[in-house]
Each structure stands twice: as C-alpha cells, then as structure tokens.
Amino acid sequence: MDEFDTKIAALLEHETAYTAEAYRFVAEAVNYTVDKLPEHRHVSALELLKGARELAIREYGAVACEVMREFGLHTASDVGKVVYLLISINLLSASEEDELTDFDIDFAPVPALCEEDVAIPDAEFHTVID
C-alpha cells in the first residue's frame, strides 16, 4: 500500500461520508485541472469543480452521475469537504485565502448527466479557465 492509500485508510476509520474512491477521484481531479492550465498555479474552487466535472464525464461517461453519487459526491460542498479532508492529512495543500466555504456554490459535479435524455457533451477544458 502506498502513502496515499495508507493515509486514506486511516482517514476512513473515522470519516465515513465518502468512499476511498471519492478521495482518489478528487485528488486526480486536482492534478487533472492543474495539468490542463497553461502554467502551474493554484486553482480556485470553481476551477477545480469544472475540472472534476470534465474528468468525471471523460472517465465515466453516461454513468458519471451515478458514480459520483456512489462516491458520495452529490454537491460542490461534498467536493470541498473531500478537498479539506485531503488537506488535513497532507495529501493536498491550500493557500491562505482558501476556505471550505469557497465550495458553497450551486454547482453539481455532473448535473447534465443527472437529467433524463441529456446528451453527454464533448467537454472542452476551456470552461475551467473561463
């Protein structure tokens, strides 16, 4: 077991709202979002949420909404809570200006896929840096 898995296993002993896969997905979404930027920098909550949405659609396609629900990631606040739990175990970092409340916005991780008869968009990353 690597360091990430060891820390997540310890976290799951007392934090049960999210699955191990949720923590892995959010950590991957951070890396995915940062890697898509023209230069390496800190990302905002909204940028991360947009990147996570794109990654979910790319990774899980038509079942992305169901997968996010299985992970426990229903809202932007859920993603924020996972981010801050990852920060608490030193797997992510935050700037001094960052706050958990930055994720208290109306932005579902994959809302279009939760609606019936909605086509999966061919997402472009430019939405993350708009």
C-alpha atoms as a PDB file:
ATOM      1  CA  MET A   1       0.000   0.000   0.000  1.00  0.00           C
ATOM      2  CA  ASP A   2       1.419   3.405  -0.965  1.00  0.00           C
ATOM      3  CA  GLU A   3       1.356   6.563   1.176  1.00  0.00           C
ATOM      4  CA  PHE A   4      -1.893   7.806  -0.384  1.00  0.00           C
ATOM      5  CA  ASP A   5      -3.725   4.548   0.308  1.00  0.00           C
ATOM      6  CA  THR A   6      -2.322   4.315   3.839  1.00  0.00           C
ATOM      7  CA  LYS A   7      -3.480   7.840   4.711  1.00  0.00           C
ATOM      8  CA  ILE A   8      -6.902   7.287   3.120  1.00  0.00           C
ATOM      9  CA  ALA A   9      -7.365   4.021   5.013  1.00  0.00           C
ATOM     10  CA  ALA A  10      -6.609   5.822   8.284  1.00  0.00           C
ATOM     11  CA  LEU A  11      -8.986   8.653   7.348  1.00  0.00           C
ATOM     12  CA  LEU A  12     -11.781   6.197   6.538  1.00  0.00           C
ATOM     13  CA  GLU A  13     -11.612   4.823  10.069  1.00  0.00           C
ATOM     14  CA  HIS A  14     -13.355   7.987  11.319  1.00  0.00           C
ATOM     15  CA  GLU A  15     -14.643   9.754   8.175  1.00  0.00           C
ATOM     16  CA  THR A  16     -17.278   7.587   6.527  1.00  0.00           C
ATOM     17  CA  ALA A  17     -19.308  10.028   4.419  1.00  0.00           C
ATOM     18  CA  TYR A  18     -17.149   9.447   1.333  1.00  0.00           C
ATOM     19  CA  THR A  19     -15.582   6.386  -0.228  1.00  0.00           C
ATOM     20  CA  ALA A  20     -11.887   5.797  -0.805  1.00  0.00           C
ATOM     21  CA  GLU A  21     -12.674   6.243  -4.498  1.00  0.00           C
ATOM     22  CA  ALA A  22     -14.073   9.730  -3.785  1.00  0.00           C
ATOM     23  CA  TYR A  23     -10.774  10.796  -2.235  1.00  0.00           C
ATOM     24  CA  ARG A  24      -8.811   9.311  -5.119  1.00  0.00           C
ATOM     25  CA  PHE A  25     -11.102  10.951  -7.683  1.00  0.00           C
ATOM     26  CA  VAL A  26     -10.847  14.410  -6.100  1.00  0.00           C
ATOM     27  CA  ALA A  27      -7.059  14.139  -5.836  1.00  0.00           C
ATOM     28  CA  GLU A  28      -6.939  13.097  -9.507  1.00  0.00           C
ATOM     29  CA  ALA A  29      -9.271  15.981 -10.400  1.00  0.00           C
ATOM     30  CA  VAL A  30      -6.886  18.449  -8.754  1.00  0.00           C
ATOM     31  CA  ASN A  31      -3.961  17.072 -10.768  1.00  0.00           C
ATOM     32  CA  TYR A  32      -6.041  16.951 -13.939  1.00  0.00           C
ATOM     33  CA  THR A  33      -7.156  20.554 -13.516  1.00  0.00           C
ATOM     34  CA  VAL A  34      -3.674  21.886 -12.736  1.00  0.00           C
ATOM     35  CA  ASP A  35      -2.150  19.925 -15.633  1.00  0.00           C
ATOM     36  CA  LYS A  36      -4.589  21.496 -18.098  1.00  0.00           C
ATOM     37  CA  LEU A  37      -3.654  25.060 -17.158  1.00  0.00           C
ATOM     38  CA  PRO A  38      -1.136  26.953 -19.297  1.00  0.00           C
ATOM     39  CA  GLU A  39       1.138  27.260 -16.259  1.00  0.00           C
ATOM     40  CA  HIS A  40       1.285  25.510 -12.905  1.00  0.00           C
ATOM     41  CA  ARG A  41      -0.608  27.501 -10.291  1.00  0.00           C
ATOM     42  CA  HIS A  42      -3.138  27.195  -7.527  1.00  0.00           C
ATOM     43  CA  VAL A  43      -6.714  26.620  -8.729  1.00  0.00           C
ATOM     44  CA  SER A  44      -9.889  28.126  -7.348  1.00  0.00           C
ATOM     45  CA  ALA A  45     -12.810  26.085  -6.078  1.00  0.00           C
ATOM     46  CA  LEU A  46     -14.792  26.786  -9.248  1.00  0.00           C
ATOM     47  CA  GLU A  47     -11.878  25.808 -11.487  1.00  0.00           C
ATOM     48  CA  LEU A  48     -11.491  22.558  -9.570  1.00  0.00           C
ATOM     49  CA  LEU A  49     -15.209  21.830  -9.787  1.00  0.00           C
ATOM     50  CA  LYS A  50     -15.212  22.399 -13.535  1.00  0.00           C
ATOM     51  CA  GLY A  51     -12.147  20.201 -13.926  1.00  0.00           C
ATOM     52  CA  ALA A  52     -13.732  17.490 -11.767  1.00  0.00           C
ATOM     53  CA  ARG A  53     -16.883  17.633 -13.868  1.00  0.00           C
ATOM     54  CA  GLU A  54     -14.898  17.218 -17.077  1.00  0.00           C
ATOM     55  CA  LEU A  55     -12.843  14.378 -15.615  1.00  0.00           C
ATOM     56  CA  ALA A  56     -15.970  12.587 -14.393  1.00  0.00           C
ATOM     57  CA  ILE A  57     -17.548  12.800 -17.830  1.00  0.00           C
ATOM     58  CA  ARG A  58     -14.349  11.641 -19.536  1.00  0.00           C
ATOM     59  CA  GLU A  59     -13.756   8.777 -17.105  1.00  0.00           C
ATOM     60  CA  TYR A  60     -17.301   7.536 -16.547  1.00  0.00           C
ATOM     61  CA  GLY A  61     -19.335   8.855 -19.480  1.00  0.00           C
ATOM     62  CA  ALA A  62     -23.070   8.278 -19.250  1.00  0.00           C
ATOM     63  CA  VAL A  63     -22.837   6.783 -15.749  1.00  0.00           C
ATOM     64  CA  ALA A  64     -20.791   9.678 -14.290  1.00  0.00           C
ATOM     65  CA  CYS A  65     -23.715  10.941 -12.231  1.00  0.00           C
ATOM     66  CA  GLU A  66     -24.303   7.516 -10.699  1.00  0.00           C
ATOM     67  CA  VAL A  67     -20.607   7.036  -9.991  1.00  0.00           C
ATOM     68  CA  MET A  68     -20.339  10.417  -8.265  1.00  0.00           C
ATOM     69  CA  ARG A  69     -23.371   9.527  -6.143  1.00  0.00           C
ATOM     70  CA  GLU A  70     -21.769   6.203  -5.183  1.00  0.00           C
ATOM     71  CA  PHE A  71     -18.662   8.116  -4.138  1.00  0.00           C
ATOM     72  CA  GLY A  72     -20.831  10.438  -2.005  1.00  0.00           C
ATOM     73  CA  LEU A  73     -20.087  13.463  -4.193  1.00  0.00           C
ATOM     74  CA  HIS A  74     -23.536  14.986  -4.667  1.00  0.00           C
ATOM     75  CA  THR A  75     -22.724  18.687  -4.419  1.00  0.00           C
ATOM     76  CA  ALA A  76     -19.904  21.188  -4.724  1.00  0.00           C
ATOM     77  CA  SER A  77     -19.770  21.228  -0.918  1.00  0.00           C
ATOM     78  CA  ASP A  78     -19.072  17.487  -0.912  1.00  0.00           C
ATOM     79  CA  VAL A  79     -16.113  18.027  -3.221  1.00  0.00           C
ATOM     80  CA  GLY A  80     -14.913  20.817  -0.931  1.00  0.00           C
ATOM     81  CA  LYS A  81     -15.191  18.617   2.154  1.00  0.00           C
ATOM     82  CA  VAL A  82     -13.122  15.928   0.449  1.00  0.00           C
ATOM     83  CA  VAL A  83     -10.537  18.536  -0.569  1.00  0.00           C
ATOM     84  CA  TYR A  84     -10.245  19.758   3.006  1.00  0.00           C
ATOM     85  CA  LEU A  85     -10.048  16.244   4.401  1.00  0.00           C
ATOM     86  CA  LEU A  86      -7.204  15.564   1.942  1.00  0.00           C
ATOM     87  CA  ILE A  87      -5.572  18.797   3.139  1.00  0.00           C
ATOM     88  CA  SER A  88      -5.965  17.665   6.757  1.00  0.00           C
ATOM     89  CA  ILE A  89      -3.867  14.551   6.040  1.00  0.00           C
ATOM     90  CA  ASN A  90      -1.290  16.448   3.961  1.00  0.00           C
ATOM     91  CA  LEU A  91      -2.233  14.987   0.593  1.00  0.00           C
ATOM     92  CA  LEU A  92      -3.290  18.387  -0.774  1.00  0.00           C
ATOM     93  CA  SER A  93      -2.466  21.939   0.204  1.00  0.00           C
ATOM     94  CA  ALA A  94      -4.401  25.196   0.353  1.00  0.00           C
ATOM     95  CA  SER A  95      -3.433  28.821   0.099  1.00  0.00           C
ATOM     96  CA  GLU A  96      -4.077  31.183   2.998  1.00  0.00           C
ATOM     97  CA  GLU A  97      -7.014  32.680   1.109  1.00  0.00           C
ATOM     98  CA  ASP A  98      -8.763  29.321   0.581  1.00  0.00           C
ATOM     99  CA  GLU A  99     -11.744  28.377   2.702  1.00  0.00           C
ATOM    100  CA  LEU A 100     -14.106  25.446   2.752  1.00  0.00           C
ATOM    101  CA  THR A 101     -16.945  27.895   2.137  1.00  0.00           C
ATOM    102  CA  ASP A 102     -15.475  28.557  -1.334  1.00  0.00           C
ATOM    103  CA  PHE A 103     -17.256  25.334  -2.305  1.00  0.00           C
ATOM    104  CA  ASP A 104     -20.650  26.506  -1.021  1.00  0.00           C
ATOM    105  CA  ILE A 105     -21.907  27.248  -4.512  1.00  0.00           C
ATOM    106  CA  ASP A 106     -24.653  25.892  -6.711  1.00  0.00           C
ATOM    107  CA  PHE A 107     -22.532  23.677  -8.947  1.00  0.00           C
ATOM    108  CA  ALA A 108     -23.320  19.969  -9.163  1.00  0.00           C
ATOM    109  CA  PRO A 109     -20.384  17.736 -10.111  1.00  0.00           C
ATOM    110  CA  VAL A 110     -22.195  16.378 -13.196  1.00  0.00           C
ATOM    111  CA  PRO A 111     -25.686  17.934 -13.381  1.00  0.00           C
ATOM    112  CA  ALA A 112     -26.270  17.455 -17.095  1.00  0.00           C
ATOM    113  CA  LEU A 113     -25.912  13.714 -16.698  1.00  0.00           C
ATOM    114  CA  CYS A 114     -28.438  13.605 -13.870  1.00  0.00           C
ATOM    115  CA  GLU A 115     -31.188  14.820 -16.172  1.00  0.00           C
ATOM    116  CA  GLU A 116     -33.066  12.398 -18.377  1.00  0.00           C
ATOM    117  CA  ASP A 117     -32.444  12.498 -22.122  1.00  0.00           C
ATOM    118  CA  VAL A 118     -29.492  14.874 -21.930  1.00  0.00           C
ATOM    119  CA  ALA A 119     -26.689  14.208 -24.369  1.00  0.00           C
ATOM    120  CA  ILE A 120     -23.189  13.896 -22.972  1.00  0.00           C
ATOM    121  CA  PRO A 121     -21.279  16.987 -24.083  1.00  0.00           C
ATOM    122  CA  ASP A 122     -17.939  16.668 -25.789  1.00  0.00           C
ATOM    123  CA  ALA A 123     -16.436  18.765 -22.993  1.00  0.00           C
ATOM    124  CA  GLU A 124     -13.652  21.166 -23.720  1.00  0.00           C
ATOM    125  CA  PHE A 125     -11.340  22.166 -20.921  1.00  0.00           C
ATOM    126  CA  HIS A 126     -11.522  25.865 -21.728  1.00  0.00           C
ATOM    127  CA  THR A 127     -14.526  26.055 -19.395  1.00  0.00           C
ATOM    128  CA  VAL A 128     -12.202  25.526 -16.426  1.00  0.00           C
ATOM    129  CA  ILE A 129     -10.192  28.641 -17.080  1.00  0.00           C
ATOM    130  CA  ASP A 130     -13.052  30.896 -18.206  1.00  0.00           C
END
